[in-house]
Amino acid sequence: MSDFFMNDKYRVLECMAKRQISVSNELIIKLSQQEIADILNFTKTKVNTIIGELKQNGYIAQRSSRGKYVLTEKAKAELTKINSKEAAQ
């Protein structure tokens, strides 16, 4: 697992990945930062910071000003790699 995901970033990304919905043949995450914070027992400020880092590093993209995130191919590849390593253990 890359060092980038050795912490709560992975938990946020995994939370988002598990809650994707299909809208017009595109998988989106329609959760608000507050909803993610509530699910993970994080503060909204912490989630906001992590989402900013995930966007800045190319793991998620935002489709509108109010939520609607999408996972990038980079995020999908990282999740697949992490999940396959966990399954092998």
N, C-alpha and C. Protein backbone atom coordinates (compact mmCIF):
# COMPACT_ATOMS: atom_id res chain seq x y z
N MET A 1 0.86 -1.17 0.00
CA MET A 1 0.00 0.00 0.00
C MET A 1 0.90 1.23 0.00
N SER A 2 0.59 2.19 -0.83
CA SER A 2 1.43 3.38 -0.88
C SER A 2 1.31 4.18 0.41
N ASP A 3 2.36 4.93 0.73
CA ASP A 3 2.36 5.73 1.95
C ASP A 3 1.23 6.73 1.98
N PHE A 4 0.81 7.19 0.81
CA PHE A 4 -0.28 8.16 0.73
C PHE A 4 -1.54 7.62 1.40
N PHE A 5 -1.75 6.30 1.35
CA PHE A 5 -2.96 5.69 1.88
C PHE A 5 -2.75 4.93 3.19
N MET A 6 -1.70 5.24 3.91
CA MET A 6 -1.44 4.55 5.17
C MET A 6 -2.19 5.20 6.33
N ASN A 7 -3.28 5.86 6.05
CA ASN A 7 -3.97 6.60 7.10
C ASN A 7 -5.45 6.76 6.76
N ASP A 8 -6.03 7.83 7.20
CA ASP A 8 -7.47 8.04 7.04
C ASP A 8 -7.89 8.37 5.61
N LYS A 9 -6.94 8.73 4.75
CA LYS A 9 -7.30 8.99 3.34
C LYS A 9 -7.93 7.74 2.71
N TYR A 10 -7.34 6.60 3.02
CA TYR A 10 -7.88 5.35 2.49
C TYR A 10 -9.31 5.14 2.99
N ARG A 11 -9.54 5.40 4.27
CA ARG A 11 -10.88 5.20 4.82
C ARG A 11 -11.91 6.08 4.12
N VAL A 12 -11.54 7.33 3.83
CA VAL A 12 -12.46 8.23 3.12
C VAL A 12 -12.68 7.73 1.71
N LEU A 13 -11.62 7.36 1.02
CA LEU A 13 -11.75 6.88 -0.36
C LEU A 13 -12.58 5.61 -0.42
N GLU A 14 -12.34 4.69 0.50
CA GLU A 14 -13.10 3.44 0.53
C GLU A 14 -14.57 3.72 0.83
N CYS A 15 -14.84 4.64 1.75
CA CYS A 15 -16.22 5.02 2.08
C CYS A 15 -16.93 5.52 0.83
N MET A 16 -16.24 6.36 0.09
CA MET A 16 -16.82 6.91 -1.14
C MET A 16 -17.04 5.82 -2.18
N ALA A 17 -16.06 4.95 -2.33
CA ALA A 17 -16.14 3.88 -3.33
C ALA A 17 -17.32 2.94 -3.06
N LYS A 18 -17.55 2.64 -1.79
CA LYS A 18 -18.64 1.72 -1.43
C LYS A 18 -20.02 2.33 -1.62
N ARG A 19 -20.09 3.64 -1.77
CA ARG A 19 -21.39 4.31 -1.83
C ARG A 19 -21.64 5.00 -3.18
N GLN A 20 -20.98 4.53 -4.21
CA GLN A 20 -21.19 5.08 -5.54
C GLN A 20 -22.57 4.67 -6.06
N ILE A 21 -23.18 5.57 -6.80
CA ILE A 21 -24.45 5.25 -7.46
C ILE A 21 -24.31 5.58 -8.94
N SER A 22 -25.11 4.91 -9.75
CA SER A 22 -25.06 5.14 -11.19
C SER A 22 -26.09 6.18 -11.59
N VAL A 23 -25.59 7.23 -12.24
CA VAL A 23 -26.46 8.29 -12.76
C VAL A 23 -26.03 8.55 -14.20
N SER A 24 -26.96 8.34 -15.13
CA SER A 24 -26.66 8.53 -16.56
C SER A 24 -25.38 7.80 -16.97
N ASN A 25 -25.30 6.54 -16.57
CA ASN A 25 -24.17 5.66 -16.90
C ASN A 25 -22.83 6.14 -16.35
N GLU A 26 -22.86 6.94 -15.31
CA GLU A 26 -21.62 7.35 -14.64
C GLU A 26 -21.77 7.06 -13.16
N LEU A 27 -20.73 6.48 -12.56
CA LEU A 27 -20.75 6.23 -11.12
C LEU A 27 -20.34 7.51 -10.40
N ILE A 28 -21.20 7.97 -9.51
CA ILE A 28 -20.91 9.18 -8.74
C ILE A 28 -21.07 8.89 -7.25
N ILE A 29 -20.46 9.73 -6.45
CA ILE A 29 -20.62 9.68 -5.01
C ILE A 29 -21.40 10.93 -4.64
N LYS A 30 -22.61 10.73 -4.17
CA LYS A 30 -23.50 11.85 -3.91
C LYS A 30 -23.50 12.24 -2.43
N LEU A 31 -22.55 11.73 -1.66
CA LEU A 31 -22.47 12.03 -0.24
C LEU A 31 -21.92 13.43 -0.01
N SER A 32 -22.43 14.08 1.01
CA SER A 32 -21.84 15.35 1.43
C SER A 32 -20.63 15.06 2.32
N GLN A 33 -19.81 16.07 2.52
CA GLN A 33 -18.68 15.90 3.43
C GLN A 33 -19.17 15.58 4.84
N GLN A 34 -20.29 16.18 5.24
CA GLN A 34 -20.83 15.90 6.57
C GLN A 34 -21.29 14.45 6.67
N GLU A 35 -21.91 13.92 5.62
CA GLU A 35 -22.35 12.52 5.63
C GLU A 35 -21.14 11.57 5.73
N ILE A 36 -20.07 11.87 5.00
CA ILE A 36 -18.86 11.05 5.09
C ILE A 36 -18.29 11.13 6.50
N ALA A 37 -18.26 12.33 7.06
CA ALA A 37 -17.76 12.52 8.42
C ALA A 37 -18.58 11.70 9.42
N ASP A 38 -19.89 11.72 9.27
CA ASP A 38 -20.76 10.97 10.18
C ASP A 38 -20.53 9.46 10.06
N ILE A 39 -20.38 8.97 8.84
CA ILE A 39 -20.16 7.53 8.61
C ILE A 39 -18.86 7.07 9.26
N LEU A 40 -17.81 7.90 9.14
CA LEU A 40 -16.48 7.50 9.61
C LEU A 40 -16.15 8.01 11.01
N ASN A 41 -17.07 8.74 11.62
CA ASN A 41 -16.82 9.37 12.92
C ASN A 41 -15.61 10.31 12.87
N PHE A 42 -15.52 11.08 11.80
CA PHE A 42 -14.51 12.12 11.62
C PHE A 42 -15.21 13.46 11.76
N THR A 43 -14.43 14.52 11.90
CA THR A 43 -15.03 15.86 11.83
C THR A 43 -15.18 16.24 10.36
N LYS A 44 -16.10 17.14 10.11
CA LYS A 44 -16.29 17.62 8.74
C LYS A 44 -15.02 18.31 8.25
N THR A 45 -14.33 19.01 9.14
CA THR A 45 -13.08 19.69 8.77
C THR A 45 -12.04 18.68 8.30
N LYS A 46 -11.94 17.56 9.01
CA LYS A 46 -10.97 16.52 8.63
C LYS A 46 -11.32 15.95 7.26
N VAL A 47 -12.60 15.66 7.04
CA VAL A 47 -13.04 15.13 5.74
C VAL A 47 -12.77 16.15 4.64
N ASN A 48 -13.03 17.41 4.90
CA ASN A 48 -12.79 18.47 3.92
C ASN A 48 -11.31 18.49 3.53
N THR A 49 -10.43 18.40 4.51
CA THR A 49 -8.99 18.40 4.25
C THR A 49 -8.59 17.18 3.43
N ILE A 50 -9.09 16.01 3.80
CA ILE A 50 -8.74 14.78 3.09
C ILE A 50 -9.27 14.82 1.66
N ILE A 51 -10.49 15.27 1.47
CA ILE A 51 -11.06 15.36 0.12
C ILE A 51 -10.23 16.32 -0.73
N GLY A 52 -9.79 17.42 -0.14
CA GLY A 52 -8.92 18.34 -0.85
C GLY A 52 -7.63 17.67 -1.31
N GLU A 53 -7.04 16.86 -0.43
CA GLU A 53 -5.82 16.14 -0.78
C GLU A 53 -6.08 15.09 -1.85
N LEU A 54 -7.20 14.39 -1.75
CA LEU A 54 -7.54 13.38 -2.76
C LEU A 54 -7.75 14.04 -4.12
N LYS A 55 -8.42 15.19 -4.14
CA LYS A 55 -8.63 15.92 -5.41
C LYS A 55 -7.30 16.42 -5.96
N GLN A 56 -6.48 17.01 -5.10
CA GLN A 56 -5.20 17.57 -5.52
C GLN A 56 -4.27 16.51 -6.09
N ASN A 57 -4.36 15.29 -5.56
CA ASN A 57 -3.49 14.20 -6.01
C ASN A 57 -4.12 13.33 -7.10
N GLY A 58 -5.28 13.74 -7.60
CA GLY A 58 -5.87 13.07 -8.75
C GLY A 58 -6.64 11.80 -8.47
N TYR A 59 -7.11 11.61 -7.23
CA TYR A 59 -7.86 10.40 -6.90
C TYR A 59 -9.36 10.57 -7.03
N ILE A 60 -9.84 11.78 -6.85
CA ILE A 60 -11.26 12.05 -7.06
C ILE A 60 -11.40 13.36 -7.84
N ALA A 61 -12.54 13.49 -8.49
CA ALA A 61 -12.89 14.73 -9.20
C ALA A 61 -14.27 15.14 -8.74
N GLN A 62 -14.54 16.42 -8.79
CA GLN A 62 -15.85 16.92 -8.36
C GLN A 62 -16.65 17.31 -9.59
N ARG A 63 -17.90 16.84 -9.65
CA ARG A 63 -18.75 17.07 -10.81
C ARG A 63 -19.64 18.30 -10.69
N SER A 64 -19.79 18.84 -9.49
CA SER A 64 -20.58 20.06 -9.30
C SER A 64 -20.10 20.72 -8.02
N SER A 65 -20.59 21.90 -7.77
CA SER A 65 -20.13 22.63 -6.58
C SER A 65 -20.67 22.02 -5.29
N ARG A 66 -21.72 21.23 -5.37
CA ARG A 66 -22.30 20.63 -4.16
C ARG A 66 -22.21 19.11 -4.24
N GLY A 67 -21.03 18.61 -3.90
CA GLY A 67 -20.87 17.16 -3.86
C GLY A 67 -20.70 16.54 -5.23
N LYS A 68 -21.26 15.38 -5.40
CA LYS A 68 -21.17 14.62 -6.64
C LYS A 68 -19.72 14.42 -7.08
N TYR A 69 -19.01 13.67 -6.28
CA TYR A 69 -17.64 13.32 -6.60
C TYR A 69 -17.62 12.07 -7.47
N VAL A 70 -16.55 11.89 -8.21
CA VAL A 70 -16.32 10.66 -8.96
C VAL A 70 -14.90 10.18 -8.66
N LEU A 71 -14.74 8.87 -8.63
CA LEU A 71 -13.41 8.29 -8.47
C LEU A 71 -12.72 8.30 -9.82
N THR A 72 -11.46 8.67 -9.82
CA THR A 72 -10.69 8.64 -11.06
C THR A 72 -10.15 7.23 -11.29
N GLU A 73 -9.62 7.01 -12.48
CA GLU A 73 -9.00 5.70 -12.76
C GLU A 73 -7.84 5.45 -11.81
N LYS A 74 -7.13 6.50 -11.42
CA LYS A 74 -6.02 6.38 -10.47
C LYS A 74 -6.54 5.84 -9.13
N ALA A 75 -7.68 6.33 -8.68
CA ALA A 75 -8.27 5.87 -7.41
C ALA A 75 -8.72 4.42 -7.54
N LYS A 76 -9.35 4.09 -8.64
CA LYS A 76 -9.84 2.72 -8.83
C LYS A 76 -8.67 1.73 -8.84
N ALA A 77 -7.57 2.11 -9.48
CA ALA A 77 -6.39 1.25 -9.53
C ALA A 77 -5.79 1.08 -8.13
N GLU A 78 -5.72 2.16 -7.37
CA GLU A 78 -5.17 2.09 -6.02
C GLU A 78 -6.04 1.22 -5.11
N LEU A 79 -7.37 1.38 -5.20
CA LEU A 79 -8.28 0.57 -4.39
C LEU A 79 -8.15 -0.91 -4.74
N THR A 80 -8.05 -1.21 -6.02
CA THR A 80 -7.89 -2.60 -6.47
C THR A 80 -6.59 -3.17 -5.91
N LYS A 81 -5.52 -2.40 -5.97
CA LYS A 81 -4.22 -2.86 -5.48
C LYS A 81 -4.29 -3.10 -3.97
N ILE A 82 -4.86 -2.17 -3.24
CA ILE A 82 -4.95 -2.30 -1.78
C ILE A 82 -5.82 -3.49 -1.40
N ASN A 83 -6.97 -3.62 -2.07
CA ASN A 83 -7.90 -4.72 -1.74
C ASN A 83 -7.30 -6.08 -2.08
N SER A 84 -6.54 -6.17 -3.16
CA SER A 84 -5.93 -7.46 -3.51
C SER A 84 -4.82 -7.81 -2.51
N LYS A 85 -4.09 -6.82 -2.00
CA LYS A 85 -3.08 -7.09 -0.98
C LYS A 85 -3.73 -7.55 0.31
N GLU A 86 -4.84 -6.91 0.68
CA GLU A 86 -5.55 -7.32 1.90
C GLU A 86 -6.09 -8.73 1.77
N ALA A 87 -6.60 -9.07 0.59
CA ALA A 87 -7.17 -10.41 0.37
C ALA A 87 -6.07 -11.48 0.43
N ALA A 88 -4.87 -11.11 0.04
CA ALA A 88 -3.77 -12.08 0.03
C ALA A 88 -3.22 -12.36 1.43
N GLN A 89 -3.52 -11.48 2.37
CA GLN A 89 -2.99 -11.65 3.73
C GLN A 89 -3.78 -12.65 4.53
